Amino acid sequence: MRKLLLAGTALLGLAASPASAAVIANLGPNPTSASGAFANDPGAGLFADQYQFQLVGSPQFLTIASATNNFAAPSDFITAFRGSVFQQVGAVGGGDDILVLGPDFATNNCGLACQGFGGSATLNAGLYYLQIEGVAGGTAGYGGTLSVAAVPEPSTWAMMLLGFAGLGFMAYRRRNTAIRMV
């Protein structure tokens, strides 16, 4: 009886844990649309996939351009399809990581037979990972892109505004000069 109770508890613990917690892909430093593509076919059942990436340099503007699940049949649908971005503190998915974006739940934003989500945030340099999770139908799969762009520093904004003001002043002066010559 005791062995049966112990086996039942272990089985219940396995059923409650995510099916996968390993890093599926490392997208490298400052992923671009070209190198930041991700995709997976998790098969049927509960899944949690992580895509690790690193931001280097000044603050970066991160965009999950899209994460979509195109499904031809209802059996390919992913329920509770969502994505989050975490700053990695310890081991990936170790419970001490910091949630910085999401979770964003998928909607039918890309057509009748398509569900997806996206999001954006300004992040500092460091290690991060994108976590995609849900409950997949029989032959479900998803894909998307992760894009990063540098956020301009305040001095860059000031120089740009000064440049626009200078152009506006030059156009104003040129127009007044043309009127006087007539």
Protein backbone atom coordinates (compact mmCIF):
# COMPACT_ATOMS: atom_id res chain seq x y z
CA MET A 1 0.00 0.00 0.00
CA ARG A 2 2.81 2.39 0.90
CA LYS A 3 4.63 1.71 -2.40
CA LEU A 4 1.42 2.33 -4.34
CA LEU A 5 0.89 5.67 -2.55
CA LEU A 6 4.51 6.69 -3.22
CA ALA A 7 4.22 5.77 -6.92
CA GLY A 8 0.95 7.69 -7.22
CA THR A 9 2.49 10.81 -5.66
CA ALA A 10 5.50 10.63 -8.01
CA LEU A 11 3.22 10.21 -11.03
CA LEU A 12 1.10 13.20 -9.95
CA GLY A 13 4.26 15.31 -9.54
CA LEU A 14 5.44 14.43 -13.05
CA ALA A 15 2.05 15.25 -14.56
CA ALA A 16 2.05 18.71 -12.95
CA SER A 17 5.54 19.72 -14.14
CA PRO A 18 6.21 21.20 -17.60
CA ALA A 19 7.04 18.71 -20.33
CA SER A 20 10.26 20.49 -21.28
CA ALA A 21 12.42 22.99 -19.44
CA ALA A 22 15.63 22.90 -21.48
CA VAL A 23 16.85 25.73 -23.67
CA ILE A 24 15.71 24.93 -27.20
CA ALA A 25 18.05 27.42 -28.90
CA ASN A 26 20.61 30.08 -28.00
CA LEU A 27 20.00 33.08 -30.28
CA GLY A 28 23.30 34.70 -29.29
CA PRO A 29 24.18 38.34 -28.55
CA ASN A 30 21.78 41.07 -29.77
CA PRO A 31 19.67 38.88 -32.08
CA THR A 32 18.41 40.48 -35.26
CA SER A 33 15.41 39.52 -37.37
CA ALA A 34 17.73 37.44 -39.53
CA SER A 35 19.43 35.49 -36.72
CA GLY A 36 16.72 35.76 -34.07
CA ALA A 37 14.24 33.39 -35.70
CA PHE A 38 12.80 30.63 -33.55
CA ALA A 39 10.46 27.71 -34.20
CA ASN A 40 9.51 24.40 -32.68
CA ASP A 41 7.08 21.53 -33.11
CA PRO A 42 6.43 20.59 -29.47
CA GLY A 43 4.20 17.63 -30.28
CA ALA A 44 1.09 16.93 -28.24
CA GLY A 45 0.71 18.03 -24.65
CA LEU A 46 2.03 20.61 -22.21
CA PHE A 47 5.25 22.39 -23.23
CA ALA A 48 7.48 25.28 -22.09
CA ASP A 49 10.29 26.16 -24.51
CA GLN A 50 13.03 28.68 -23.77
CA TYR A 51 15.12 30.66 -26.26
CA GLN A 52 18.16 32.21 -24.63
CA PHE A 53 19.71 35.49 -25.85
CA GLN A 54 22.15 38.08 -24.62
CA LEU A 55 22.01 41.87 -24.86
CA VAL A 56 25.34 43.70 -24.88
CA GLY A 57 26.09 47.42 -24.76
CA SER A 58 23.71 50.24 -23.90
CA PRO A 59 19.97 49.76 -23.29
CA GLN A 60 18.33 47.78 -26.07
CA PHE A 61 14.78 47.89 -27.42
CA LEU A 62 13.54 44.31 -27.71
CA THR A 63 10.60 43.33 -29.88
CA ILE A 64 8.98 39.94 -30.25
CA ALA A 65 7.94 40.63 -33.82
CA SER A 66 5.64 37.65 -33.85
CA ALA A 67 5.06 34.23 -32.45
CA THR A 68 2.44 32.46 -34.50
CA ASN A 69 0.76 29.11 -34.68
CA ASN A 70 -0.81 28.45 -38.09
CA PHE A 71 -3.16 25.53 -37.76
CA ALA A 72 -4.79 23.64 -40.57
CA ALA A 73 -7.06 21.62 -38.29
CA PRO A 74 -8.45 22.10 -34.77
CA SER A 75 -6.11 19.30 -33.60
CA ASP A 76 -3.13 21.60 -34.38
CA PHE A 77 -4.37 24.39 -32.11
CA ILE A 78 -2.27 25.43 -29.08
CA THR A 79 -4.39 26.32 -26.06
CA ALA A 80 -3.06 28.73 -23.40
CA PHE A 81 -0.44 29.79 -26.00
CA ARG A 82 1.64 32.57 -24.40
CA GLY A 83 5.08 34.09 -24.29
CA SER A 84 7.18 35.82 -21.63
CA VAL A 85 10.66 37.30 -21.45
CA PHE A 86 12.74 36.70 -18.33
CA GLN A 87 16.07 38.14 -17.23
CA GLN A 88 18.19 35.15 -16.33
CA VAL A 89 19.51 35.21 -12.74
CA GLY A 90 20.40 31.56 -12.12
CA ALA A 91 19.55 28.49 -14.16
CA VAL A 92 16.97 28.96 -16.92
CA GLY A 93 13.55 28.38 -15.39
CA GLY A 94 15.08 27.99 -11.93
CA GLY A 95 12.45 30.13 -10.21
CA ASP A 96 14.74 33.06 -9.43
CA ASP A 97 14.58 34.69 -12.88
CA ILE A 98 12.94 38.12 -13.26
CA LEU A 99 9.86 38.52 -15.47
CA VAL A 100 10.38 41.58 -17.71
CA LEU A 101 7.72 41.14 -20.41
CA GLY A 102 4.44 39.25 -20.45
CA PRO A 103 3.01 36.82 -20.22
CA ASP A 104 1.33 37.82 -23.48
CA PHE A 105 -1.47 35.47 -24.50
CA ALA A 106 -2.10 34.67 -28.16
CA THR A 107 -5.14 35.97 -29.99
CA ASN A 108 -6.43 35.37 -33.51
CA ASN A 109 -4.51 38.45 -34.68
CA CYS A 110 -3.20 36.88 -37.87
CA GLY A 111 -6.27 35.28 -39.45
CA LEU A 112 -8.99 32.74 -38.77
CA ALA A 113 -6.61 29.76 -38.68
CA CYS A 114 -3.73 31.56 -37.00
CA GLN A 115 -3.03 32.74 -33.46
CA GLY A 116 -0.15 34.87 -32.28
CA PHE A 117 1.23 37.49 -29.93
CA GLY A 118 3.96 40.10 -29.78
CA GLY A 119 5.43 42.57 -27.34
CA SER A 120 8.24 45.04 -26.75
CA ALA A 121 10.33 46.41 -23.88
CA THR A 122 13.51 48.37 -23.21
CA LEU A 123 16.07 46.14 -21.51
CA ASN A 124 19.58 46.65 -20.14
CA ALA A 125 22.56 44.50 -21.04
CA GLY A 126 22.39 40.98 -19.63
CA LEU A 127 21.25 37.41 -20.18
CA TYR A 128 17.59 36.83 -21.04
CA TYR A 129 15.34 34.13 -22.39
CA LEU A 130 12.03 34.05 -24.23
CA GLN A 131 9.66 31.40 -22.88
CA ILE A 132 6.92 30.06 -25.15
CA GLU A 133 4.40 27.77 -23.50
CA GLY A 134 1.02 26.18 -23.90
CA VAL A 135 -0.79 22.91 -24.49
CA ALA A 136 -0.23 21.67 -28.03
CA GLY A 137 -2.57 19.67 -30.20
CA GLY A 138 -1.37 16.61 -32.11
CA THR A 139 0.89 18.18 -34.76
CA ALA A 140 1.08 21.75 -33.44
CA GLY A 141 4.03 23.99 -34.19
CA TYR A 142 4.93 27.67 -33.89
CA GLY A 143 7.54 30.15 -35.08
CA GLY A 144 8.53 33.80 -34.80
CA THR A 145 11.30 36.36 -34.69
CA LEU A 146 13.06 38.25 -31.93
CA SER A 147 14.45 41.68 -32.89
CA VAL A 148 16.73 44.03 -30.98
CA ALA A 149 17.62 47.67 -31.67
CA ALA A 150 19.75 50.10 -29.68
CA VAL A 151 17.84 52.82 -27.82
CA PRO A 152 19.29 56.27 -28.64
CA GLU A 153 20.91 58.08 -25.72
CA PRO A 154 19.48 61.47 -24.61
CA SER A 155 22.39 63.33 -26.21
CA THR A 156 21.54 61.68 -29.54
CA TRP A 157 17.92 62.89 -29.26
CA ALA A 158 19.15 66.42 -28.43
CA MET A 159 21.47 66.48 -31.47
CA MET A 160 18.65 65.24 -33.72
CA LEU A 161 16.24 67.92 -32.46
CA LEU A 162 18.93 70.59 -32.88
CA GLY A 163 19.49 69.39 -36.45
CA PHE A 164 15.77 69.60 -37.28
CA ALA A 165 15.61 73.10 -35.78
CA GLY A 166 18.59 74.13 -37.92
CA LEU A 167 16.97 72.76 -41.07
CA GLY A 168 13.74 74.56 -40.26
CA PHE A 169 15.61 77.84 -39.70
CA MET A 170 17.50 77.45 -43.01
CA ALA A 171 14.23 76.81 -44.88
CA TYR A 172 12.68 79.87 -43.19
CA ARG A 173 15.65 82.08 -44.14
CA ARG A 174 15.70 80.79 -47.74
CA ARG A 175 11.97 81.52 -48.16
CA ASN A 176 12.37 85.11 -46.88
CA THR A 177 15.33 85.70 -49.21
CA ALA A 178 13.35 84.45 -52.22
CA ILE A 179 10.45 86.81 -51.42
CA ARG A 180 12.71 89.89 -51.24
CA MET A 181 14.21 89.22 -54.69
CA VAL A 182 10.86 89.30 -56.47
